[in-house]
């Protein structure tokens, strides 16, 4: 992933996190890492959804 893409992803993540927190959702660093892994292509869509669902059920 290029430095420019990574910076763009990070900016988008920060914006999404802020929007979610305004809506009373708490976004942890663990959540952010999961999204980063998906954006970088380190996990598949299926893996992402499975992990996200598991995290949501723990709540």
Protein backbone atom coordinates (compact mmCIF):
# COMPACT_ATOMS: atom_id res chain seq x y z
CA UNK A 1 0.00 0.00 0.00
CA UNK A 2 1.37 3.40 -0.90
CA UNK A 3 2.00 6.06 1.72
CA UNK A 4 -0.64 8.27 0.08
CA UNK A 5 -3.26 5.50 0.19
CA UNK A 6 -2.42 4.74 3.80
CA UNK A 7 -2.80 8.41 4.76
CA UNK A 8 -6.10 8.56 2.89
CA UNK A 9 -7.39 5.44 4.68
CA UNK A 10 -6.31 6.82 8.06
CA UNK A 11 -8.12 10.10 7.41
CA UNK A 12 -11.27 8.23 6.37
CA UNK A 13 -11.02 6.02 9.46
CA UNK A 14 -10.69 9.04 11.76
CA UNK A 15 -13.69 10.69 10.13
CA UNK A 16 -15.80 7.54 10.39
CA UNK A 17 -14.76 7.06 14.02
CA UNK A 18 -15.76 10.62 14.88
CA UNK A 19 -19.12 10.21 13.14
CA UNK A 20 -19.83 6.96 14.98
CA UNK A 21 -18.86 8.43 18.34
CA UNK A 22 -21.23 11.37 17.79
CA UNK A 23 -23.94 8.71 17.43
CA UNK A 24 -22.94 7.25 20.83
CA UNK A 25 -20.95 4.33 19.45
CA UNK A 26 -17.53 3.61 20.91
CA UNK A 27 -14.84 2.68 18.40
CA UNK A 28 -11.85 0.94 19.95
CA UNK A 29 -8.35 0.55 18.58
CA UNK A 30 -9.25 -3.13 18.04
CA UNK A 31 -12.08 -2.05 15.73
CA UNK A 32 -9.75 0.32 13.90
CA UNK A 33 -7.17 -2.46 13.39
CA UNK A 34 -9.84 -4.76 11.95
CA UNK A 35 -10.83 -2.12 9.40
CA UNK A 36 -7.18 -1.39 8.58
CA UNK A 37 -6.55 -5.09 7.96
CA UNK A 38 -9.47 -5.20 5.53
CA UNK A 39 -8.43 -2.02 3.73
CA UNK A 40 -4.87 -3.32 3.34
CA UNK A 41 -6.15 -6.60 1.90
CA UNK A 42 -4.74 -8.59 4.81
CA UNK A 43 -8.12 -10.24 5.44
CA UNK A 44 -10.99 -11.10 3.12
CA UNK A 45 -14.47 -9.56 3.23
CA UNK A 46 -15.77 -12.82 4.68
CA UNK A 47 -13.12 -12.81 7.42
CA UNK A 48 -13.83 -9.15 8.17
CA UNK A 49 -17.57 -9.72 8.52
CA UNK A 50 -17.07 -12.81 10.68
CA UNK A 51 -14.70 -10.99 13.04
CA UNK A 52 -16.90 -7.89 13.17
CA UNK A 53 -19.94 -9.99 14.04
CA UNK A 54 -18.00 -11.81 16.77
CA UNK A 55 -16.94 -8.48 18.27
CA UNK A 56 -20.52 -7.17 18.13
CA UNK A 57 -21.84 -10.25 19.93
CA UNK A 58 -19.31 -9.79 22.76
CA UNK A 59 -20.75 -6.39 23.55
